[in-house]
Amino acid sequence: MDALKVALIGTGFWGRFQLAAWQEIPEARVVALCDANRARAEETAIRFRVPAYGDAAEMLRSESIDFVDIATSPEAHEPLVSLAASHGVAVICQKPMALEYAACERMVEACRRAGVRFLIHENFRWQTPMRRVGQILKSGKIGRPIRAHIQFSHGQIELFDNQPSLYTDPHFAMFDMGPHLMDLARFFFGEPLSVYAREFRAHPRFAGEDIVSVTLGFERLHCHCELSWRTTDYEVFVEGMAGTVTWRPRGELTIETDSGAFKETIDPATYSWSDPRYGYSHPSIVTTNSHLLSALHGQCEAETTGEDNLRTMRLVDLALKSAAANQALAVS
């Protein structure tokens, strides 16, 4: 199978991890880098012996590219997606797709009209423990799920010094981690019927909310998604009619049924470039990229297409509106 040629747009903090992850996958070949800060792109490009650009339009005119991986700030996603679509180039775009739901709709429509693939890099559902939880739920080992709690902490505040714009975002938590949690809920349980959200600002360094609580109502399931600075003993807990499954971030997964308790240890994959402070997040970039690349090769159906991710971003949009109105909203 011939390697597909990818151009990375955005060589900042997360872009560097995207680039490193692509190097782990022989079925992809990075052929160009682009960043509005051309000096930064050139500094990175020297190490990988590929051309660097400061303008994406110039790069798309000059290079033979199968797809772009857009790893810029969310504000730049829509014009870059539309630009790539106008050149007939497939797109992988980092989450969040955009900061306004209407922009997400326009991006999906632009790619649909151009006939190009539009995929979203939503990596949390590709973390090894989250795939395992999904397998257990699908197997029916704990019966029909009736209650769930998904909670993640932001981690050390120093980690955000690498992304200083997050300190000034009017909606920090809802757009930084909110898509991850609500996409996980969809991955585990399908489509919710209602959204009720509350948000607060606790840490003074952030202009936007850093505490988020979202309740997703399903037909016969209640799922609570939370973001905070301290977390419970677990990150995922699901109660079913026949048992429970619990994932603890120290690497322990527990299944409890009437037959007893069964424990599994799940360690993150390790790469020379991954930062252990990010746990399973950095290794999941490789898994996500591999899946999306397989979809571009026509070997499978992508799980997180632009059309699918619209459903996640609709939940984010409704969560913001719910928090502002302090009332539950139906998912139309």
C-alpha atoms as a PDB file:
ATOM      1  CA  MET A   1       0.000   0.000   0.000  1.00  0.00           C
ATOM      2  CA  ASP A   2       1.477   3.316  -1.088  1.00  0.00           C
ATOM      3  CA  ALA A   3       2.007   5.876   1.667  1.00  0.00           C
ATOM      4  CA  LEU A   4      -0.371   8.811   1.541  1.00  0.00           C
ATOM      5  CA  LYS A   5       1.230  12.252   1.448  1.00  0.00           C
ATOM      6  CA  VAL A   6       0.248  14.515   4.328  1.00  0.00           C
ATOM      7  CA  ALA A   7       0.954  18.196   4.930  1.00  0.00           C
ATOM      8  CA  LEU A   8       0.741  19.387   8.526  1.00  0.00           C
ATOM      9  CA  ILE A   9      -0.710  22.865   9.036  1.00  0.00           C
ATOM     10  CA  GLY A  10       0.246  24.184  12.462  1.00  0.00           C
ATOM     11  CA  THR A  11       3.598  23.417  14.062  1.00  0.00           C
ATOM     12  CA  GLY A  12       2.867  24.724  17.544  1.00  0.00           C
ATOM     13  CA  PHE A  13       2.571  22.720  20.743  1.00  0.00           C
ATOM     14  CA  TRP A  14       0.102  20.043  19.606  1.00  0.00           C
ATOM     15  CA  GLY A  15       1.306  20.144  16.016  1.00  0.00           C
ATOM     16  CA  ARG A  16       4.676  18.817  17.123  1.00  0.00           C
ATOM     17  CA  PHE A  17       3.029  15.770  18.685  1.00  0.00           C
ATOM     18  CA  GLN A  18       0.931  15.239  15.570  1.00  0.00           C
ATOM     19  CA  LEU A  19       4.083  15.316  13.476  1.00  0.00           C
ATOM     20  CA  ALA A  20       5.847  12.864  15.772  1.00  0.00           C
ATOM     21  CA  ALA A  21       2.850  10.526  15.655  1.00  0.00           C
ATOM     22  CA  TRP A  22       2.788  10.524  11.855  1.00  0.00           C
ATOM     23  CA  GLN A  23       6.434   9.453  11.902  1.00  0.00           C
ATOM     24  CA  GLU A  24       5.326   6.261  13.668  1.00  0.00           C
ATOM     25  CA  ILE A  25       3.039   5.269  10.778  1.00  0.00           C
ATOM     26  CA  PRO A  26       4.790   4.023   7.622  1.00  0.00           C
ATOM     27  CA  GLU A  27       1.571   4.301   5.553  1.00  0.00           C
ATOM     28  CA  ALA A  28       1.794   8.099   5.799  1.00  0.00           C
ATOM     29  CA  ARG A  29       4.571  10.372   4.574  1.00  0.00           C
ATOM     30  CA  VAL A  30       4.864  13.989   5.718  1.00  0.00           C
ATOM     31  CA  VAL A  31       5.780  16.056   2.658  1.00  0.00           C
ATOM     32  CA  ALA A  32       5.358  19.663   3.858  1.00  0.00           C
ATOM     33  CA  LEU A  33       4.807  21.819   6.926  1.00  0.00           C
ATOM     34  CA  CYS A  34       2.945  25.094   7.178  1.00  0.00           C
ATOM     35  CA  ASP A  35       2.524  27.666   9.923  1.00  0.00           C
ATOM     36  CA  ALA A  36       1.527  31.316   9.932  1.00  0.00           C
ATOM     37  CA  ASN A  37       4.746  31.689  11.926  1.00  0.00           C
ATOM     38  CA  ARG A  38       6.954  30.644   9.030  1.00  0.00           C
ATOM     39  CA  ALA A  39      10.139  30.720  11.107  1.00  0.00           C
ATOM     40  CA  ARG A  40       8.648  28.123  13.430  1.00  0.00           C
ATOM     41  CA  ALA A  41       7.650  25.943  10.488  1.00  0.00           C
ATOM     42  CA  GLU A  42      11.120  26.240   8.974  1.00  0.00           C
ATOM     43  CA  GLU A  43      12.810  25.324  12.249  1.00  0.00           C
ATOM     44  CA  THR A  44      10.745  22.135  12.437  1.00  0.00           C
ATOM     45  CA  ALA A  45      11.041  21.363   8.717  1.00  0.00           C
ATOM     46  CA  ILE A  46      14.834  21.334   8.836  1.00  0.00           C
ATOM     47  CA  ARG A  47      14.777  18.318  11.137  1.00  0.00           C
ATOM     48  CA  PHE A  48      12.442  16.403   8.838  1.00  0.00           C
ATOM     49  CA  ARG A  49      13.927  17.594   5.536  1.00  0.00           C
ATOM     50  CA  VAL A  50      10.629  18.800   4.077  1.00  0.00           C
ATOM     51  CA  PRO A  51       9.664  22.217   2.684  1.00  0.00           C
ATOM     52  CA  ALA A  52       8.149  24.811   5.007  1.00  0.00           C
ATOM     53  CA  TYR A  53       5.487  27.389   4.163  1.00  0.00           C
ATOM     54  CA  GLY A  54       3.990  30.390   5.890  1.00  0.00           C
ATOM     55  CA  ASP A  55       0.903  30.407   3.669  1.00  0.00           C
ATOM     56  CA  ALA A  56      -1.365  27.382   3.260  1.00  0.00           C
ATOM     57  CA  ALA A  57      -2.670  28.490  -0.141  1.00  0.00           C
ATOM     58  CA  GLU A  58       0.880  28.650  -1.486  1.00  0.00           C
ATOM     59  CA  MET A  59       1.607  25.182  -0.098  1.00  0.00           C
ATOM     60  CA  LEU A  60      -1.514  23.670  -1.664  1.00  0.00           C
ATOM     61  CA  ARG A  61      -0.606  25.209  -5.037  1.00  0.00           C
ATOM     62  CA  SER A  62       3.000  24.021  -4.858  1.00  0.00           C
ATOM     63  CA  GLU A  63       2.869  20.529  -3.361  1.00  0.00           C
ATOM     64  CA  SER A  64       1.296  17.212  -4.322  1.00  0.00           C
ATOM     65  CA  ILE A  65      -0.724  16.357  -1.211  1.00  0.00           C
ATOM     66  CA  ASP A  66      -3.251  13.610  -0.459  1.00  0.00           C
ATOM     67  CA  PHE A  67      -4.551  15.194   2.748  1.00  0.00           C
ATOM     68  CA  VAL A  68      -3.830  17.940   5.260  1.00  0.00           C
ATOM     69  CA  ASP A  69      -3.741  17.612   9.023  1.00  0.00           C
ATOM     70  CA  ILE A  70      -4.910  20.908  10.520  1.00  0.00           C
ATOM     71  CA  ALA A  71      -3.433  21.419  14.001  1.00  0.00           C
ATOM     72  CA  THR A  72      -3.890  25.157  14.401  1.00  0.00           C
ATOM     73  CA  SER A  73      -5.981  27.107  16.909  1.00  0.00           C
ATOM     74  CA  PRO A  74      -9.736  26.532  16.417  1.00  0.00           C
ATOM     75  CA  GLU A  75     -10.308  30.034  15.047  1.00  0.00           C
ATOM     76  CA  ALA A  76      -8.287  29.113  11.946  1.00  0.00           C
ATOM     77  CA  HIS A  77     -10.024  25.801  11.258  1.00  0.00           C
ATOM     78  CA  GLU A  78     -12.885  26.987   9.073  1.00  0.00           C
ATOM     79  CA  PRO A  79     -10.870  29.002   6.519  1.00  0.00           C
ATOM     80  CA  LEU A  80      -8.221  26.268   6.292  1.00  0.00           C
ATOM     81  CA  VAL A  81     -10.789  23.489   5.854  1.00  0.00           C
ATOM     82  CA  SER A  82     -12.554  25.499   3.146  1.00  0.00           C
ATOM     83  CA  LEU A  83      -9.219  26.217   1.454  1.00  0.00           C
ATOM     84  CA  ALA A  84      -8.216  22.552   1.379  1.00  0.00           C
ATOM     85  CA  ALA A  85     -11.666  21.573   0.098  1.00  0.00           C
ATOM     86  CA  SER A  86     -11.377  24.111  -2.730  1.00  0.00           C
ATOM     87  CA  HIS A  87      -8.161  22.337  -3.788  1.00  0.00           C
ATOM     88  CA  GLY A  88      -9.803  18.909  -3.638  1.00  0.00           C
ATOM     89  CA  VAL A  89      -7.613  17.804  -0.738  1.00  0.00           C
ATOM     90  CA  ALA A  90      -8.963  15.602   2.057  1.00  0.00           C
ATOM     91  CA  VAL A  91      -8.886  17.032   5.578  1.00  0.00           C
ATOM     92  CA  ILE A  92      -8.125  15.803   9.076  1.00  0.00           C
ATOM     93  CA  CYS A  93      -8.941  18.557  11.547  1.00  0.00           C
ATOM     94  CA  GLN A  94      -8.147  18.677  15.243  1.00  0.00           C
ATOM     95  CA  LYS A  95     -10.949  19.123  17.740  1.00  0.00           C
ATOM     96  CA  PRO A  96     -12.834  21.278  18.483  1.00  0.00           C
ATOM     97  CA  MET A  97     -14.028  21.539  14.907  1.00  0.00           C
ATOM     98  CA  ALA A  98     -14.856  25.209  15.510  1.00  0.00           C
ATOM     99  CA  LEU A  99     -15.979  27.525  18.299  1.00  0.00           C
ATOM    100  CA  GLU A 100     -19.411  28.179  16.785  1.00  0.00           C
ATOM    101  CA  TYR A 101     -21.818  25.468  15.722  1.00  0.00           C
ATOM    102  CA  ALA A 102     -22.774  27.352  12.550  1.00  0.00           C
ATOM    103  CA  ALA A 103     -19.106  27.328  11.507  1.00  0.00           C
ATOM    104  CA  CYS A 104     -19.017  23.546  12.024  1.00  0.00           C
ATOM    105  CA  GLU A 105     -22.014  23.187   9.715  1.00  0.00           C
ATOM    106  CA  ARG A 106     -20.347  25.367   7.057  1.00  0.00           C
ATOM    107  CA  MET A 107     -17.149  23.290   7.194  1.00  0.00           C
ATOM    108  CA  VAL A 108     -19.022  20.017   6.719  1.00  0.00           C
ATOM    109  CA  GLU A 109     -21.020  21.501   3.855  1.00  0.00           C
ATOM    110  CA  ALA A 110     -17.900  22.914   2.138  1.00  0.00           C
ATOM    111  CA  CYS A 111     -16.275  19.488   2.112  1.00  0.00           C
ATOM    112  CA  ARG A 112     -19.489  17.792   1.013  1.00  0.00           C
ATOM    113  CA  ARG A 113     -19.850  20.165  -1.938  1.00  0.00           C
ATOM    114  CA  ALA A 114     -16.208  19.669  -2.900  1.00  0.00           C
ATOM    115  CA  GLY A 115     -16.482  15.885  -2.585  1.00  0.00           C
ATOM    116  CA  VAL A 116     -13.530  15.590  -0.208  1.00  0.00           C
ATOM    117  CA  ARG A 117     -13.218  13.528   2.948  1.00  0.00           C
ATOM    118  CA  PHE A 118     -13.501  15.512   6.175  1.00  0.00           C
ATOM    119  CA  LEU A 119     -12.376  13.716   9.338  1.00  0.00           C
ATOM    120  CA  ILE A 120     -12.026  14.977  12.906  1.00  0.00           C
ATOM    121  CA  HIS A 121      -9.091  14.022  15.104  1.00  0.00           C
ATOM    122  CA  GLU A 122     -11.017  13.084  18.265  1.00  0.00           C
ATOM    123  CA  ASN A 123      -8.452  11.003  20.121  1.00  0.00           C
ATOM    124  CA  PHE A 124     -10.010  10.335  23.533  1.00  0.00           C
ATOM    125  CA  ARG A 125     -12.236   7.553  22.202  1.00  0.00           C
ATOM    126  CA  TRP A 126      -9.029   5.969  20.852  1.00  0.00           C
ATOM    127  CA  GLN A 127      -7.276   5.827  24.202  1.00  0.00           C
ATOM    128  CA  THR A 128      -6.641   2.156  25.000  1.00  0.00           C
ATOM    129  CA  PRO A 129      -8.744   2.069  28.202  1.00  0.00           C
ATOM    130  CA  MET A 130     -11.661   3.836  26.505  1.00  0.00           C
ATOM    131  CA  ARG A 131     -11.667   1.269  23.696  1.00  0.00           C
ATOM    132  CA  ARG A 132     -11.685  -1.457  26.340  1.00  0.00           C
ATOM    133  CA  VAL A 133     -14.631   0.105  28.191  1.00  0.00           C
ATOM    134  CA  GLY A 134     -16.448   0.306  24.860  1.00  0.00           C
ATOM    135  CA  GLN A 135     -15.772  -3.388  24.215  1.00  0.00           C
ATOM    136  CA  ILE A 136     -17.123  -4.366  27.638  1.00  0.00           C
ATOM    137  CA  LEU A 137     -20.307  -2.339  27.171  1.00  0.00           C
ATOM    138  CA  LYS A 138     -20.852  -3.817  23.722  1.00  0.00           C
ATOM    139  CA  SER A 139     -20.304  -7.355  25.038  1.00  0.00           C
ATOM    140  CA  GLY A 140     -23.200  -7.030  27.464  1.00  0.00           C
ATOM    141  CA  LYS A 141     -21.117  -8.213  30.426  1.00  0.00           C
ATOM    142  CA  ILE A 142     -22.675  -5.639  32.765  1.00  0.00           C
ATOM    143  CA  GLY A 143     -26.080  -5.655  31.130  1.00  0.00           C
ATOM    144  CA  ARG A 144     -27.932  -2.602  29.881  1.00  0.00           C
ATOM    145  CA  PRO A 145     -26.217   0.586  31.138  1.00  0.00           C
ATOM    146  CA  ILE A 146     -28.450   2.724  33.353  1.00  0.00           C
ATOM    147  CA  ARG A 147     -26.041   5.207  34.997  1.00  0.00           C
ATOM    148  CA  ALA A 148     -22.632   6.582  34.067  1.00  0.00           C
ATOM    149  CA  HIS A 149     -20.081   9.088  35.307  1.00  0.00           C
ATOM    150  CA  ILE A 150     -17.225  10.377  33.142  1.00  0.00           C
ATOM    151  CA  GLN A 151     -14.845  12.767  34.882  1.00  0.00           C
ATOM    152  CA  PHE A 152     -11.446  14.152  33.903  1.00  0.00           C
ATOM    153  CA  SER A 153      -9.200  16.629  35.660  1.00  0.00           C
ATOM    154  CA  HIS A 154      -7.292  19.345  33.833  1.00  0.00           C
ATOM    155  CA  GLY A 155      -4.018  18.165  35.340  1.00  0.00           C
ATOM    156  CA  GLN A 156      -1.219  20.465  36.412  1.00  0.00           C
ATOM    157  CA  ILE A 157      -1.922  24.090  35.568  1.00  0.00           C
ATOM    158  CA  GLU A 158       1.650  24.472  34.302  1.00  0.00           C
ATOM    159  CA  LEU A 159       0.692  22.279  31.338  1.00  0.00           C
ATOM    160  CA  PHE A 160      -1.354  25.161  29.950  1.00  0.00           C
ATOM    161  CA  ASP A 161       1.670  27.430  29.734  1.00  0.00           C
ATOM    162  CA  ASN A 162       2.319  25.649  26.422  1.00  0.00           C
ATOM    163  CA  GLN A 163      -1.058  26.909  25.182  1.00  0.00           C
ATOM    164  CA  PRO A 164      -1.340  30.419  26.688  1.00  0.00           C
ATOM    165  CA  SER A 165      -4.394  31.307  24.599  1.00  0.00           C
ATOM    166  CA  LEU A 166      -6.429  28.945  26.787  1.00  0.00           C
ATOM    167  CA  TYR A 167      -5.988  31.350  29.690  1.00  0.00           C
ATOM    168  CA  THR A 168      -7.911  34.041  27.809  1.00  0.00           C
ATOM    169  CA  ASP A 169     -10.539  31.929  26.029  1.00  0.00           C
ATOM    170  CA  PRO A 170     -14.071  32.941  27.077  1.00  0.00           C
ATOM    171  CA  HIS A 171     -14.980  29.247  27.235  1.00  0.00           C
ATOM    172  CA  PHE A 172     -11.891  27.349  28.315  1.00  0.00           C
ATOM    173  CA  ALA A 173     -13.107  23.996  29.630  1.00  0.00           C
ATOM    174  CA  MET A 174     -16.154  23.573  27.419  1.00  0.00           C
ATOM    175  CA  PHE A 175     -14.081  23.732  24.231  1.00  0.00           C
ATOM    176  CA  ASP A 176     -10.808  22.273  25.493  1.00  0.00           C
ATOM    177  CA  MET A 177     -12.123  19.085  27.108  1.00  0.00           C
ATOM    178  CA  GLY A 178     -15.894  19.277  26.641  1.00  0.00           C
ATOM    179  CA  PRO A 179     -15.823  17.732  23.137  1.00  0.00           C
ATOM    180  CA  HIS A 180     -13.753  14.818  24.475  1.00  0.00           C
ATOM    181  CA  LEU A 181     -16.189  13.980  27.259  1.00  0.00           C
ATOM    182  CA  MET A 182     -19.338  14.335  25.195  1.00  0.00           C
ATOM    183  CA  ASP A 183     -17.824  12.359  22.331  1.00  0.00           C
ATOM    184  CA  LEU A 184     -16.940   9.598  24.799  1.00  0.00           C
ATOM    185  CA  ALA A 185     -20.531   9.545  26.033  1.00  0.00           C
ATOM    186  CA  ARG A 186     -21.725   9.184  22.439  1.00  0.00           C
ATOM    187  CA  PHE A 187     -19.117   6.485  21.768  1.00  0.00           C
ATOM    188  CA  PHE A 188     -20.265   4.500  24.803  1.00  0.00           C
ATOM    189  CA  PHE A 189     -24.036   5.051  24.731  1.00  0.00           C
ATOM    190  CA  GLY A 190     -25.199   6.589  21.451  1.00  0.00           C
ATOM    191  CA  GLU A 191     -27.147   9.799  21.030  1.00  0.00           C
ATOM    192  CA  PRO A 192     -28.580  11.641  24.086  1.00  0.00           C
ATOM    193  CA  LEU A 193     -31.999  13.222  24.147  1.00  0.00           C
ATOM    194  CA  SER A 194     -31.314  16.146  26.501  1.00  0.00           C
ATOM    195  CA  VAL A 195     -28.497  18.290  27.888  1.00  0.00           C
ATOM    196  CA  TYR A 196     -28.271  20.128  31.197  1.00  0.00           C
ATOM    197  CA  ALA A 197     -25.050  21.984  32.015  1.00  0.00           C
ATOM    198  CA  ARG A 198     -23.537  24.176  34.693  1.00  0.00           C
ATOM    199  CA  GLU A 199     -20.188  25.966  34.452  1.00  0.00           C
ATOM    200  CA  PHE A 200     -18.068  28.001  36.872  1.00  0.00           C
ATOM    201  CA  ARG A 201     -14.736  29.773  36.998  1.00  0.00           C
ATOM    202  CA  ALA A 202     -12.667  28.676  39.997  1.00  0.00           C
ATOM    203  CA  HIS A 203      -9.038  29.360  39.049  1.00  0.00           C
ATOM    204  CA  PRO A 204      -8.259  33.090  38.708  1.00  0.00           C
ATOM    205  CA  ARG A 205      -5.800  32.607  35.832  1.00  0.00           C
ATOM    206  CA  PHE A 206      -8.584  31.647  33.442  1.00  0.00           C
ATOM    207  CA  ALA A 207     -10.955  34.114  31.827  1.00  0.00           C
ATOM    208  CA  GLY A 208     -13.389  31.349  30.956  1.00  0.00           C
ATOM    209  CA  GLU A 209     -14.996  28.554  32.949  1.00  0.00           C
ATOM    210  CA  ASP A 210     -12.747  25.798  34.285  1.00  0.00           C
ATOM    211  CA  ILE A 211     -15.396  23.755  36.123  1.00  0.00           C
ATOM    212  CA  VAL A 212     -18.022  22.103  33.940  1.00  0.00           C
ATOM    213  CA  SER A 213     -20.817  19.689  34.805  1.00  0.00           C
ATOM    214  CA  VAL A 214     -22.962  18.268  31.994  1.00  0.00           C
ATOM    215  CA  THR A 215     -25.810  15.810  32.445  1.00  0.00           C
ATOM    216  CA  LEU A 216     -26.797  13.913  29.311  1.00  0.00           C
ATOM    217  CA  GLY A 217     -30.192  12.274  29.348  1.00  0.00           C
ATOM    218  CA  PHE A 218     -30.752   9.132  27.290  1.00  0.00           C
ATOM    219  CA  GLU A 219     -33.945   7.138  26.960  1.00  0.00           C
ATOM    220  CA  ARG A 220     -33.078   4.840  29.871  1.00  0.00           C
ATOM    221  CA  LEU A 221     -29.674   6.135  30.971  1.00  0.00           C
ATOM    222  CA  HIS A 222     -28.317   9.064  32.976  1.00  0.00           C
ATOM    223  CA  CYS A 223     -24.719  10.114  32.128  1.00  0.00           C
ATOM    224  CA  HIS A 224     -22.892  12.784  34.109  1.00  0.00           C
ATOM    225  CA  CYS A 225     -19.779  14.375  32.505  1.00  0.00           C
ATOM    226  CA  GLU A 226     -17.490  16.557  34.654  1.00  0.00           C
ATOM    227  CA  LEU A 227     -14.323  18.614  34.270  1.00  0.00           C
ATOM    228  CA  SER A 228     -12.430  19.862  37.298  1.00  0.00           C
ATOM    229  CA  TRP A 229      -8.987  20.237  38.870  1.00  0.00           C
ATOM    230  CA  ARG A 230      -9.384  17.269  41.177  1.00  0.00           C
ATOM    231  CA  THR A 231     -10.998  14.050  40.086  1.00  0.00           C
ATOM    232  CA  THR A 232     -12.644  11.087  41.740  1.00  0.00           C
ATOM    233  CA  ASP A 233     -10.835   7.792  42.213  1.00  0.00           C
ATOM    234  CA  TYR A 234     -12.044   6.876  38.730  1.00  0.00           C
ATOM    235  CA  GLU A 235     -12.423   8.564  35.345  1.00  0.00           C
ATOM    236  CA  VAL A 236     -15.167   6.314  33.979  1.00  0.00           C
ATOM    237  CA  PHE A 237     -17.836   4.447  35.928  1.00  0.00           C
ATOM    238  CA  VAL A 238     -20.777   2.691  34.302  1.00  0.00           C
ATOM    239  CA  GLU A 239     -23.513   0.869  36.175  1.00  0.00           C
ATOM    240  CA  GLY A 240     -25.463  -1.722  34.217  1.00  0.00           C
ATOM    241  CA  MET A 241     -28.362  -3.958  35.097  1.00  0.00           C
ATOM    242  CA  ALA A 242     -25.933  -6.850  35.670  1.00  0.00           C
ATOM    243  CA  GLY A 243     -22.813  -5.146  37.040  1.00  0.00           C
ATOM    244  CA  THR A 244     -20.388  -2.245  36.766  1.00  0.00           C
ATOM    245  CA  VAL A 245     -17.216  -1.305  34.907  1.00  0.00           C
ATOM    246  CA  THR A 246     -14.763   1.187  36.414  1.00  0.00           C
ATOM    247  CA  TRP A 247     -11.658   2.736  34.874  1.00  0.00           C
ATOM    248  CA  ARG A 248      -9.115   4.269  37.230  1.00  0.00           C
ATOM    249  CA  PRO A 249      -6.347   6.467  35.799  1.00  0.00           C
ATOM    250  CA  ARG A 250      -3.654   4.540  37.688  1.00  0.00           C
ATOM    251  CA  GLY A 251      -4.141   1.883  35.009  1.00  0.00           C
ATOM    252  CA  GLU A 252      -6.771  -0.360  36.590  1.00  0.00           C
ATOM    253  CA  LEU A 253      -9.991  -1.477  34.986  1.00  0.00           C
ATOM    254  CA  THR A 254     -12.493  -3.398  37.118  1.00  0.00           C
ATOM    255  CA  ILE A 255     -15.562  -5.356  36.061  1.00  0.00           C
ATOM    256  CA  GLU A 256     -17.920  -6.345  38.876  1.00  0.00           C
ATOM    257  CA  THR A 257     -20.861  -8.686  38.384  1.00  0.00           C
ATOM    258  CA  ASP A 258     -22.672 -11.291  40.475  1.00  0.00           C
ATOM    259  CA  SER A 259     -19.905 -13.687  39.406  1.00  0.00           C
ATOM    260  CA  GLY A 260     -17.259 -11.590  41.168  1.00  0.00           C
ATOM    261  CA  ALA A 261     -14.754  -8.826  40.466  1.00  0.00           C
ATOM    262  CA  PHE A 262     -12.284  -9.013  37.601  1.00  0.00           C
ATOM    263  CA  LYS A 263      -9.380  -6.599  37.238  1.00  0.00           C
ATOM    264  CA  GLU A 264      -7.251  -5.713  34.244  1.00  0.00           C
ATOM    265  CA  THR A 265      -4.134  -3.559  34.017  1.00  0.00           C
ATOM    266  CA  ILE A 266      -3.845  -1.303  30.980  1.00  0.00           C
ATOM    267  CA  ASP A 267      -0.555   0.548  30.531  1.00  0.00           C
ATOM    268  CA  PRO A 268      -0.128   3.362  28.003  1.00  0.00           C
ATOM    269  CA  ALA A 269       2.065   2.775  24.994  1.00  0.00           C
ATOM    270  CA  THR A 270       5.354   4.635  25.209  1.00  0.00           C
ATOM    271  CA  TYR A 271       7.131   6.675  22.582  1.00  0.00           C
ATOM    272  CA  SER A 272      10.323   8.673  22.862  1.00  0.00           C
ATOM    273  CA  TRP A 273       8.404  11.892  22.142  1.00  0.00           C
ATOM    274  CA  SER A 274       5.372  11.356  24.402  1.00  0.00           C
ATOM    275  CA  ASP A 275       5.101  13.185  27.712  1.00  0.00           C
ATOM    276  CA  PRO A 276       4.022  10.870  30.567  1.00  0.00           C
ATOM    277  CA  ARG A 277       2.184  13.773  32.237  1.00  0.00           C
ATOM    278  CA  TYR A 278      -0.429  13.443  29.491  1.00  0.00           C
ATOM    279  CA  GLY A 279      -1.048   9.790  30.321  1.00  0.00           C
ATOM    280  CA  TYR A 280      -2.856   7.937  27.554  1.00  0.00           C
ATOM    281  CA  SER A 281      -3.455  11.056  25.472  1.00  0.00           C
ATOM    282  CA  HIS A 282      -0.209  11.238  23.484  1.00  0.00           C
ATOM    283  CA  PRO A 283      -0.093   7.522  22.567  1.00  0.00           C
ATOM    284  CA  SER A 284      -3.710   7.769  21.397  1.00  0.00           C
ATOM    285  CA  ILE A 285      -2.627  10.262  18.724  1.00  0.00           C
ATOM    286  CA  VAL A 286      -0.890   7.389  16.932  1.00  0.00           C
ATOM    287  CA  THR A 287      -3.964   5.155  17.259  1.00  0.00           C
ATOM    288  CA  THR A 288      -6.269   7.900  16.027  1.00  0.00           C
ATOM    289  CA  ASN A 289      -4.032   8.775  13.083  1.00  0.00           C
ATOM    290  CA  SER A 290      -3.782   5.104  12.108  1.00  0.00           C
ATOM    291  CA  HIS A 291      -7.568   4.741  12.119  1.00  0.00           C
ATOM    292  CA  LEU A 292      -8.183   7.914  10.111  1.00  0.00           C
ATOM    293  CA  LEU A 293      -5.469   6.937   7.638  1.00  0.00           C
ATOM    294  CA  SER A 294      -7.084   3.520   7.172  1.00  0.00           C
ATOM    295  CA  ALA A 295     -10.328   5.323   6.386  1.00  0.00           C
ATOM    296  CA  LEU A 296      -8.594   7.520   3.819  1.00  0.00           C
ATOM    297  CA  HIS A 297      -7.121   4.356   2.276  1.00  0.00           C
ATOM    298  CA  GLY A 298     -10.655   2.969   2.025  1.00  0.00           C
ATOM    299  CA  GLN A 299      -9.992   0.120   4.455  1.00  0.00           C
ATOM    300  CA  CYS A 300     -12.684   1.093   6.985  1.00  0.00           C
ATOM    301  CA  GLU A 301     -15.355   3.641   7.783  1.00  0.00           C
ATOM    302  CA  ALA A 302     -14.046   6.510   9.895  1.00  0.00           C
ATOM    303  CA  GLU A 303     -15.734   6.824  13.283  1.00  0.00           C
ATOM    304  CA  THR A 304     -15.273  10.580  13.585  1.00  0.00           C
ATOM    305  CA  THR A 305     -16.221  12.090  10.268  1.00  0.00           C
ATOM    306  CA  GLY A 306     -17.167  15.744  10.110  1.00  0.00           C
ATOM    307  CA  GLU A 307     -20.815  14.732   9.880  1.00  0.00           C
ATOM    308  CA  ASP A 308     -20.553  12.558  12.981  1.00  0.00           C
ATOM    309  CA  ASN A 309     -18.639  15.171  14.954  1.00  0.00           C
ATOM    310  CA  LEU A 310     -21.398  17.671  14.226  1.00  0.00           C
ATOM    311  CA  ARG A 311     -23.445  15.699  16.753  1.00  0.00           C
ATOM    312  CA  THR A 312     -20.743  16.162  19.393  1.00  0.00           C
ATOM    313  CA  MET A 313     -20.403  19.861  18.644  1.00  0.00           C
ATOM    314  CA  ARG A 314     -24.184  20.198  18.803  1.00  0.00           C
ATOM    315  CA  LEU A 315     -23.995  18.873  22.375  1.00  0.00           C
ATOM    316  CA  VAL A 316     -21.234  21.388  23.193  1.00  0.00           C
ATOM    317  CA  ASP A 317     -23.363  24.184  21.760  1.00  0.00           C
ATOM    318  CA  LEU A 318     -26.407  23.063  23.726  1.00  0.00           C
ATOM    319  CA  ALA A 319     -24.316  22.749  26.900  1.00  0.00           C
ATOM    320  CA  LEU A 320     -23.241  26.388  26.584  1.00  0.00           C
ATOM    321  CA  LYS A 321     -26.843  27.495  26.029  1.00  0.00           C
ATOM    322  CA  SER A 322     -28.081  25.296  28.871  1.00  0.00           C
ATOM    323  CA  ALA A 323     -25.543  26.755  31.292  1.00  0.00           C
ATOM    324  CA  ALA A 324     -26.516  30.297  30.285  1.00  0.00           C
ATOM    325  CA  ALA A 325     -30.221  29.581  30.717  1.00  0.00           C
ATOM    326  CA  ASN A 326     -29.849  27.200  33.688  1.00  0.00           C
ATOM    327  CA  GLN A 327     -32.265  24.730  32.160  1.00  0.00           C
ATOM    328  CA  ALA A 328     -32.258  21.390  30.375  1.00  0.00           C
ATOM    329  CA  LEU A 329     -32.488  21.532  26.596  1.00  0.00           C
ATOM    330  CA  ALA A 330     -33.745  18.904  24.188  1.00  0.00           C
ATOM    331  CA  VAL A 331     -31.400  17.576  21.511  1.00  0.00           C
ATOM    332  CA  SER A 332     -33.262  18.050  18.248  1.00  0.00           C
END
